[in-house]
Structures are given as structure tokens and as C-alpha cells.
Amino acid sequence: MNITYLTTEELSQRIKYNARTIRNDLKDSVLLEGRHYIRPFGQRKILFIWENIEEDMYNASNNSVYSVPMANGGVCYGKH
């Protein structure tokens, strides 16, 4: 299995969000450590896992408007 690791700047080019927005708003709320990004060797540097981000973006676009992604990778569906 190939895993593509991206820096914040590389991810910002792919998903068309500002790097600052990714760091301040998406990290730890939408993008979760261990699922969407890692800190190699416990350092400050963050590497994003593109395949997991891409999969979750695709799943979110196909799910109901009333779905909430869960930290364990699942989705919680609300009432319609």
C-alpha cells in the first residue's frame, strides 16, 4: 500500500485551502492526528496522509447533509 505524506503547504495546494486555515481551523477538528496526519519522531513537523484525507472527503460528499464524522473513522447520521 502506497502512502503519500504531504506537508501543510502541499496539502493546501491539493484541497485549495490556505495553509494557515489548515493549521488553525482544520487540524484537530476535522483533520485528526493518527488518522489524517502524523508527527514523525514526536517533532513539531506535521505530515498529512493524503489517502485518508481524500477518502474522508469523498465519503463526506456522498453522505447525507446530516452526517457527522466521528474520531474513530465512522459516521453518525442525524434525523432527516
PDB file of N, CA and C in Angstrom:
ATOM      1  N   MET A   1       0.840  -1.181   0.000  1.00  0.00           N
ATOM      2  CA  MET A   1       0.000   0.000   0.000  1.00  0.00           C
ATOM      3  C   MET A   1       0.888   1.248   0.000  1.00  0.00           C
ATOM      4  N   ASN A   2       0.653   2.117  -0.941  1.00  0.00           N
ATOM      5  CA  ASN A   2       1.403   3.361  -1.005  1.00  0.00           C
ATOM      6  C   ASN A   2       0.741   4.413  -0.141  1.00  0.00           C
ATOM      7  N   ILE A   3       1.535   5.106   0.633  1.00  0.00           N
ATOM      8  CA  ILE A   3       1.036   6.195   1.463  1.00  0.00           C
ATOM      9  C   ILE A   3       1.750   7.460   1.021  1.00  0.00           C
ATOM     10  N   THR A   4       0.971   8.498   0.747  1.00  0.00           N
ATOM     11  CA  THR A   4       1.521   9.773   0.320  1.00  0.00           C
ATOM     12  C   THR A   4       1.481  10.738   1.487  1.00  0.00           C
ATOM     13  N   TYR A   5       2.651  11.170   1.929  1.00  0.00           N
ATOM     14  CA  TYR A   5       2.750  12.134   3.014  1.00  0.00           C
ATOM     15  C   TYR A   5       2.932  13.522   2.418  1.00  0.00           C
ATOM     16  N   LEU A   6       2.153  14.483   2.905  1.00  0.00           N
ATOM     17  CA  LEU A   6       2.206  15.852   2.402  1.00  0.00           C
ATOM     18  C   LEU A   6       2.497  16.825   3.525  1.00  0.00           C
ATOM     19  N   THR A   7       3.233  17.871   3.203  1.00  0.00           N
ATOM     20  CA  THR A   7       3.399  18.967   4.149  1.00  0.00           C
ATOM     21  C   THR A   7       2.122  19.809   4.123  1.00  0.00           C
ATOM     22  N   THR A   8       2.022  20.741   5.039  1.00  0.00           N
ATOM     23  CA  THR A   8       0.850  21.613   5.084  1.00  0.00           C
ATOM     24  C   THR A   8       0.711  22.399   3.786  1.00  0.00           C
ATOM     25  N   GLU A   9       1.803  22.885   3.250  1.00  0.00           N
ATOM     26  CA  GLU A   9       1.765  23.665   2.013  1.00  0.00           C
ATOM     27  C   GLU A   9       1.322  22.804   0.827  1.00  0.00           C
ATOM     28  N   GLU A  10       1.805  21.569   0.751  1.00  0.00           N
ATOM     29  CA  GLU A  10       1.400  20.667  -0.329  1.00  0.00           C
ATOM     30  C   GLU A  10      -0.080  20.322  -0.219  1.00  0.00           C
ATOM     31  N   LEU A  11      -0.555  20.081   1.003  1.00  0.00           N
ATOM     32  CA  LEU A  11      -1.976  19.797   1.205  1.00  0.00           C
ATOM     33  C   LEU A  11      -2.826  21.004   0.823  1.00  0.00           C
ATOM     34  N   SER A  12      -2.374  22.191   1.151  1.00  0.00           N
ATOM     35  CA  SER A  12      -3.144  23.393   0.832  1.00  0.00           C
ATOM     36  C   SER A  12      -3.309  23.554  -0.682  1.00  0.00           C
ATOM     37  N   GLN A  13      -2.326  23.160  -1.446  1.00  0.00           N
ATOM     38  CA  GLN A  13      -2.433  23.222  -2.904  1.00  0.00           C
ATOM     39  C   GLN A  13      -3.431  22.198  -3.434  1.00  0.00           C
ATOM     40  N   ARG A  14      -3.494  21.045  -2.789  1.00  0.00           N
ATOM     41  CA  ARG A  14      -4.403  19.990  -3.268  1.00  0.00           C
ATOM     42  C   ARG A  14      -5.866  20.257  -2.920  1.00  0.00           C
ATOM     43  N   ILE A  15      -6.127  20.758  -1.720  1.00  0.00           N
ATOM     44  CA  ILE A  15      -7.523  20.938  -1.311  1.00  0.00           C
ATOM     45  C   ILE A  15      -7.981  22.392  -1.415  1.00  0.00           C
ATOM     46  N   LYS A  16      -7.102  23.257  -1.896  1.00  0.00           N
ATOM     47  CA  LYS A  16      -7.430  24.659  -2.159  1.00  0.00           C
ATOM     48  C   LYS A  16      -7.857  25.418  -0.903  1.00  0.00           C
ATOM     49  N   TYR A  17      -7.186  25.134   0.196  1.00  0.00           N
ATOM     50  CA  TYR A  17      -7.351  25.888   1.436  1.00  0.00           C
ATOM     51  C   TYR A  17      -6.018  26.535   1.762  1.00  0.00           C
ATOM     52  N   ASN A  18      -6.051  27.669   2.402  1.00  0.00           N
ATOM     53  CA  ASN A  18      -4.849  28.344   2.838  1.00  0.00           C
ATOM     54  C   ASN A  18      -4.147  27.480   3.893  1.00  0.00           C
ATOM     55  N   ALA A  19      -2.821  27.444   3.866  1.00  0.00           N
ATOM     56  CA  ALA A  19      -2.065  26.647   4.836  1.00  0.00           C
ATOM     57  C   ALA A  19      -2.368  27.074   6.267  1.00  0.00           C
ATOM     58  N   ARG A  20      -2.550  28.353   6.491  1.00  0.00           N
ATOM     59  CA  ARG A  20      -2.885  28.854   7.827  1.00  0.00           C
ATOM     60  C   ARG A  20      -4.256  28.333   8.278  1.00  0.00           C
ATOM     61  N   THR A  21      -5.214  28.258   7.367  1.00  0.00           N
ATOM     62  CA  THR A  21      -6.537  27.720   7.696  1.00  0.00           C
ATOM     63  C   THR A  21      -6.434  26.253   8.091  1.00  0.00           C
ATOM     64  N   ILE A  22      -5.611  25.509   7.379  1.00  0.00           N
ATOM     65  CA  ILE A  22      -5.416  24.094   7.707  1.00  0.00           C
ATOM     66  C   ILE A  22      -4.837  23.964   9.106  1.00  0.00           C
ATOM     67  N   ARG A  23      -3.788  24.736   9.404  1.00  0.00           N
ATOM     68  CA  ARG A  23      -3.131  24.656  10.710  1.00  0.00           C
ATOM     69  C   ARG A  23      -4.034  25.125  11.849  1.00  0.00           C
ATOM     70  N   ASN A  24      -4.754  26.218  11.642  1.00  0.00           N
ATOM     71  CA  ASN A  24      -5.513  26.834  12.738  1.00  0.00           C
ATOM     72  C   ASN A  24      -6.936  26.320  12.881  1.00  0.00           C
ATOM     73  N   ASP A  25      -7.604  26.006  11.775  1.00  0.00           N
ATOM     74  CA  ASP A  25      -9.025  25.670  11.832  1.00  0.00           C
ATOM     75  C   ASP A  25      -9.334  24.192  11.591  1.00  0.00           C
ATOM     76  N   LEU A  26      -8.645  23.564  10.647  1.00  0.00           N
ATOM     77  CA  LEU A  26      -8.987  22.182  10.296  1.00  0.00           C
ATOM     78  C   LEU A  26      -8.261  21.152  11.152  1.00  0.00           C
ATOM     79  N   LYS A  27      -7.000  21.434  11.488  1.00  0.00           N
ATOM     80  CA  LYS A  27      -6.218  20.479  12.274  1.00  0.00           C
ATOM     81  C   LYS A  27      -6.833  20.333  13.661  1.00  0.00           C
ATOM     82  N   ASP A  28      -7.019  19.104  14.084  1.00  0.00           N
ATOM     83  CA  ASP A  28      -7.575  18.731  15.387  1.00  0.00           C
ATOM     84  C   ASP A  28      -9.073  18.967  15.512  1.00  0.00           C
ATOM     85  N   SER A  29      -9.732  19.420  14.461  1.00  0.00           N
ATOM     86  CA  SER A  29     -11.198  19.469  14.486  1.00  0.00           C
ATOM     87  C   SER A  29     -11.749  18.589  13.362  1.00  0.00           C
ATOM     88  N   VAL A  30     -11.258  18.790  12.150  1.00  0.00           N
ATOM     89  CA  VAL A  30     -11.658  17.967  11.009  1.00  0.00           C
ATOM     90  C   VAL A  30     -10.573  16.951  10.685  1.00  0.00           C
ATOM     91  N   LEU A  31      -9.348  17.403  10.695  1.00  0.00           N
ATOM     92  CA  LEU A  31      -8.203  16.525  10.431  1.00  0.00           C
ATOM     93  C   LEU A  31      -7.640  16.049  11.763  1.00  0.00           C
ATOM     94  N   LEU A  32      -7.684  14.752  11.979  1.00  0.00           N
ATOM     95  CA  LEU A  32      -7.354  14.178  13.276  1.00  0.00           C
ATOM     96  C   LEU A  32      -5.980  13.508  13.271  1.00  0.00           C
ATOM     97  N   GLU A  33      -5.243  13.728  14.357  1.00  0.00           N
ATOM     98  CA  GLU A  33      -3.924  13.113  14.484  1.00  0.00           C
ATOM     99  C   GLU A  33      -4.070  11.596  14.562  1.00  0.00           C
ATOM    100  N   GLY A  34      -3.243  10.899  13.819  1.00  0.00           N
ATOM    101  CA  GLY A  34      -3.297   9.443  13.773  1.00  0.00           C
ATOM    102  C   GLY A  34      -4.122   8.936  12.602  1.00  0.00           C
ATOM    103  N   ARG A  35      -5.109   9.688  12.194  1.00  0.00           N
ATOM    104  CA  ARG A  35      -5.935   9.320  11.037  1.00  0.00           C
ATOM    105  C   ARG A  35      -5.534  10.130   9.806  1.00  0.00           C
ATOM    106  N   HIS A  36      -5.489  11.439   9.945  1.00  0.00           N
ATOM    107  CA  HIS A  36      -5.217  12.328   8.823  1.00  0.00           C
ATOM    108  C   HIS A  36      -3.802  12.900   8.820  1.00  0.00           C
ATOM    109  N   TYR A  37      -3.152  12.897   9.961  1.00  0.00           N
ATOM    110  CA  TYR A  37      -1.779  13.398   9.998  1.00  0.00           C
ATOM    111  C   TYR A  37      -1.001  12.734  11.126  1.00  0.00           C
ATOM    112  N   ILE A  38       0.312  12.795  10.981  1.00  0.00           N
ATOM    113  CA  ILE A  38       1.217  12.262  12.000  1.00  0.00           C
ATOM    114  C   ILE A  38       2.282  13.303  12.300  1.00  0.00           C
ATOM    115  N   ARG A  39       2.931  13.126  13.438  1.00  0.00           N
ATOM    116  CA  ARG A  39       4.095  13.922  13.816  1.00  0.00           C
ATOM    117  C   ARG A  39       5.269  12.947  13.910  1.00  0.00           C
ATOM    118  N   PRO A  40       6.055  12.839  12.816  1.00  0.00           N
ATOM    119  CA  PRO A  40       7.157  11.877  12.833  1.00  0.00           C
ATOM    120  C   PRO A  40       8.158  12.175  13.941  1.00  0.00           C
ATOM    121  N   PHE A  41       8.509  11.153  14.657  1.00  0.00           N
ATOM    122  CA  PHE A  41       9.506  11.230  15.723  1.00  0.00           C
ATOM    123  C   PHE A  41       9.107  12.202  16.826  1.00  0.00           C
ATOM    124  N   GLY A  42       7.805  12.483  16.969  1.00  0.00           N
ATOM    125  CA  GLY A  42       7.321  13.344  18.035  1.00  0.00           C
ATOM    126  C   GLY A  42       7.721  14.801  17.900  1.00  0.00           C
ATOM    127  N   GLN A  43       8.088  15.218  16.721  1.00  0.00           N
ATOM    128  CA  GLN A  43       8.543  16.589  16.499  1.00  0.00           C
ATOM    129  C   GLN A  43       7.380  17.511  16.143  1.00  0.00           C
ATOM    130  N   ARG A  44       7.682  18.780  15.907  1.00  0.00           N
ATOM    131  CA  ARG A  44       6.670  19.766  15.531  1.00  0.00           C
ATOM    132  C   ARG A  44       6.182  19.578  14.107  1.00  0.00           C
ATOM    133  N   LYS A  45       7.026  19.034  13.243  1.00  0.00           N
ATOM    134  CA  LYS A  45       6.687  18.843  11.831  1.00  0.00           C
ATOM    135  C   LYS A  45       5.460  17.948  11.708  1.00  0.00           C
ATOM    136  N   ILE A  46       4.534  18.339  10.844  1.00  0.00           N
ATOM    137  CA  ILE A  46       3.314  17.575  10.620  1.00  0.00           C
ATOM    138  C   ILE A  46       3.325  17.071   9.182  1.00  0.00           C
ATOM    139  N   LEU A  47       3.021  15.788   9.003  1.00  0.00           N
ATOM    140  CA  LEU A  47       2.862  15.205   7.678  1.00  0.00           C
ATOM    141  C   LEU A  47       1.445  14.666   7.560  1.00  0.00           C
ATOM    142  N   PHE A  48       0.746  15.111   6.541  1.00  0.00           N
ATOM    143  CA  PHE A  48      -0.636  14.706   6.313  1.00  0.00           C
ATOM    144  C   PHE A  48      -0.671  13.463   5.435  1.00  0.00           C
ATOM    145  N   ILE A  49      -1.601  12.569   5.713  1.00  0.00           N
ATOM    146  CA  ILE A  49      -1.750  11.309   4.977  1.00  0.00           C
ATOM    147  C   ILE A  49      -2.834  11.526   3.925  1.00  0.00           C
ATOM    148  N   TRP A  50      -2.408  11.709   2.679  1.00  0.00           N
ATOM    149  CA  TRP A  50      -3.316  12.109   1.612  1.00  0.00           C
ATOM    150  C   TRP A  50      -4.435  11.088   1.374  1.00  0.00           C
ATOM    151  N   GLU A  51      -4.145   9.819   1.358  1.00  0.00           N
ATOM    152  CA  GLU A  51      -5.162   8.811   1.037  1.00  0.00           C
ATOM    153  C   GLU A  51      -6.321   8.851   2.037  1.00  0.00           C
ATOM    154  N   ASN A  52      -6.034   9.018   3.328  1.00  0.00           N
ATOM    155  CA  ASN A  52      -7.098   9.077   4.336  1.00  0.00           C
ATOM    156  C   ASN A  52      -7.912  10.360   4.206  1.00  0.00           C
ATOM    157  N   ILE A  53      -7.254  11.460   3.915  1.00  0.00           N
ATOM    158  CA  ILE A  53      -7.969  12.733   3.736  1.00  0.00           C
ATOM    159  C   ILE A  53      -8.868  12.651   2.511  1.00  0.00           C
ATOM    160  N   GLU A  54      -8.326  12.131   1.421  1.00  0.00           N
ATOM    161  CA  GLU A  54      -9.094  12.015   0.180  1.00  0.00           C
ATOM    162  C   GLU A  54     -10.306  11.106   0.372  1.00  0.00           C
ATOM    163  N   GLU A  55     -10.114   9.985   1.045  1.00  0.00           N
ATOM    164  CA  GLU A  55     -11.213   9.049   1.296  1.00  0.00           C
ATOM    165  C   GLU A  55     -12.319   9.703   2.131  1.00  0.00           C
ATOM    166  N   ASP A  56     -11.940  10.403   3.191  1.00  0.00           N
ATOM    167  CA  ASP A  56     -12.933  11.041   4.054  1.00  0.00           C
ATOM    168  C   ASP A  56     -13.640  12.192   3.353  1.00  0.00           C
ATOM    169  N   MET A  57     -12.928  12.923   2.492  1.00  0.00           N
ATOM    170  CA  MET A  57     -13.570  13.995   1.725  1.00  0.00           C
ATOM    171  C   MET A  57     -14.602  13.396   0.772  1.00  0.00           C
ATOM    172  N   TYR A  58     -14.250  12.300   0.113  1.00  0.00           N
ATOM    173  CA  TYR A  58     -15.169  11.639  -0.815  1.00  0.00           C
ATOM    174  C   TYR A  58     -16.386  11.100  -0.076  1.00  0.00           C
ATOM    175  N   ASN A  59     -16.171  10.436   1.058  1.00  0.00           N
ATOM    176  CA  ASN A  59     -17.281   9.881   1.833  1.00  0.00           C
ATOM    177  C   ASN A  59     -18.192  10.979   2.363  1.00  0.00           C
ATOM    178  N   ALA A  60     -17.623  12.087   2.787  1.00  0.00           N
ATOM    179  CA  ALA A  60     -18.433  13.189   3.304  1.00  0.00           C
ATOM    180  C   ALA A  60     -19.292  13.796   2.207  1.00  0.00           C
ATOM    181  N   SER A  61     -18.786  13.839   0.987  1.00  0.00           N
ATOM    182  CA  SER A  61     -19.559  14.431  -0.108  1.00  0.00           C
ATOM    183  C   SER A  61     -20.688  13.504  -0.556  1.00  0.00           C
ATOM    184  N   ASN A  62     -20.562  12.198  -0.314  1.00  0.00           N
ATOM    185  CA  ASN A  62     -21.599  11.251  -0.716  1.00  0.00           C
ATOM    186  C   ASN A  62     -22.614  10.980   0.382  1.00  0.00           C
ATOM    187  N   ASN A  63     -22.313  11.353   1.618  1.00  0.00           N
ATOM    188  CA  ASN A  63     -23.221  11.096   2.729  1.00  0.00           C
ATOM    189  C   ASN A  63     -24.252  12.197   2.850  1.00  0.00           C
ATOM    190  N   SER A  64     -25.199  11.940   3.682  1.00  0.00           N
ATOM    191  CA  SER A  64     -26.266  12.892   3.969  1.00  0.00           C
ATOM    192  C   SER A  64     -25.702  14.187   4.525  1.00  0.00           C
ATOM    193  N   VAL A  65     -26.430  15.257   4.340  1.00  0.00           N
ATOM    194  CA  VAL A  65     -26.065  16.551   4.913  1.00  0.00           C
ATOM    195  C   VAL A  65     -26.054  16.452   6.426  1.00  0.00           C
ATOM    196  N   TYR A  66     -26.790  15.501   6.968  1.00  0.00           N
ATOM    197  CA  TYR A  66     -26.941  15.357   8.410  1.00  0.00           C
ATOM    198  C   TYR A  66     -25.990  14.329   9.008  1.00  0.00           C
ATOM    199  N   SER A  67     -24.843  14.126   8.403  1.00  0.00           N
ATOM    200  CA  SER A  67     -23.894  13.165   8.942  1.00  0.00           C
ATOM    201  C   SER A  67     -22.735  13.904   9.596  1.00  0.00           C
ATOM    202  N   VAL A  68     -22.215  13.295  10.659  1.00  0.00           N
ATOM    203  CA  VAL A  68     -21.114  13.876  11.410  1.00  0.00           C
ATOM    204  C   VAL A  68     -19.984  12.849  11.459  1.00  0.00           C
ATOM    205  N   PRO A  69     -18.778  13.207  10.963  1.00  0.00           N
ATOM    206  CA  PRO A  69     -17.669  12.251  11.050  1.00  0.00           C
ATOM    207  C   PRO A  69     -17.220  12.074  12.492  1.00  0.00           C
ATOM    208  N   MET A  70     -16.943  10.835  12.868  1.00  0.00           N
ATOM    209  CA  MET A  70     -16.529  10.511  14.227  1.00  0.00           C
ATOM    210  C   MET A  70     -15.010  10.294  14.268  1.00  0.00           C
ATOM    211  N   ALA A  71     -14.433  10.448  15.435  1.00  0.00           N
ATOM    212  CA  ALA A  71     -12.986  10.336  15.598  1.00  0.00           C
ATOM    213  C   ALA A  71     -12.469   8.944  15.238  1.00  0.00           C
ATOM    214  N   ASN A  72     -13.298   7.912  15.399  1.00  0.00           N
ATOM    215  CA  ASN A  72     -12.849   6.549  15.102  1.00  0.00           C
ATOM    216  C   ASN A  72     -12.957   6.204  13.621  1.00  0.00           C
ATOM    217  N   GLY A  73     -13.339   7.173  12.789  1.00  0.00           N
ATOM    218  CA  GLY A  73     -13.444   6.936  11.358  1.00  0.00           C
ATOM    219  C   GLY A  73     -14.850   6.638  10.896  1.00  0.00           C
ATOM    220  N   GLY A  74     -15.783   6.439  11.822  1.00  0.00           N
ATOM    221  CA  GLY A  74     -17.171   6.191  11.455  1.00  0.00           C
ATOM    222  C   GLY A  74     -17.932   7.479  11.208  1.00  0.00           C
ATOM    223  N   VAL A  75     -19.227   7.332  10.936  1.00  0.00           N
ATOM    224  CA  VAL A  75     -20.090   8.479  10.687  1.00  0.00           C
ATOM    225  C   VAL A  75     -21.354   8.329  11.502  1.00  0.00           C
ATOM    226  N   CYS A  76     -21.804   9.416  12.121  1.00  0.00           N
ATOM    227  CA  CYS A  76     -23.045   9.432  12.867  1.00  0.00           C
ATOM    228  C   CYS A  76     -24.091  10.151  12.023  1.00  0.00           C
ATOM    229  N   TYR A  77     -25.235   9.496  11.768  1.00  0.00           N
ATOM    230  CA  TYR A  77     -26.276  10.078  10.945  1.00  0.00           C
ATOM    231  C   TYR A  77     -27.369  10.659  11.828  1.00  0.00           C
ATOM    232  N   GLY A  78     -27.769  11.883  11.526  1.00  0.00           N
ATOM    233  CA  GLY A  78     -28.848  12.527  12.265  1.00  0.00           C
ATOM    234  C   GLY A  78     -30.183  12.249  11.608  1.00  0.00           C
ATOM    235  N   LYS A  79     -31.240  12.726  12.229  1.00  0.00           N
ATOM    236  CA  LYS A  79     -32.574  12.566  11.657  1.00  0.00           C
ATOM    237  C   LYS A  79     -32.752  13.499  10.476  1.00  0.00           C
ATOM    238  N   HIS A  80     -33.525  13.076   9.510  1.00  0.00           N
ATOM    239  CA  HIS A  80     -33.810  13.906   8.332  1.00  0.00           C
ATOM    240  C   HIS A  80     -35.055  14.696   8.554  1.00  0.00           C
TER     241      HIS A  80
END
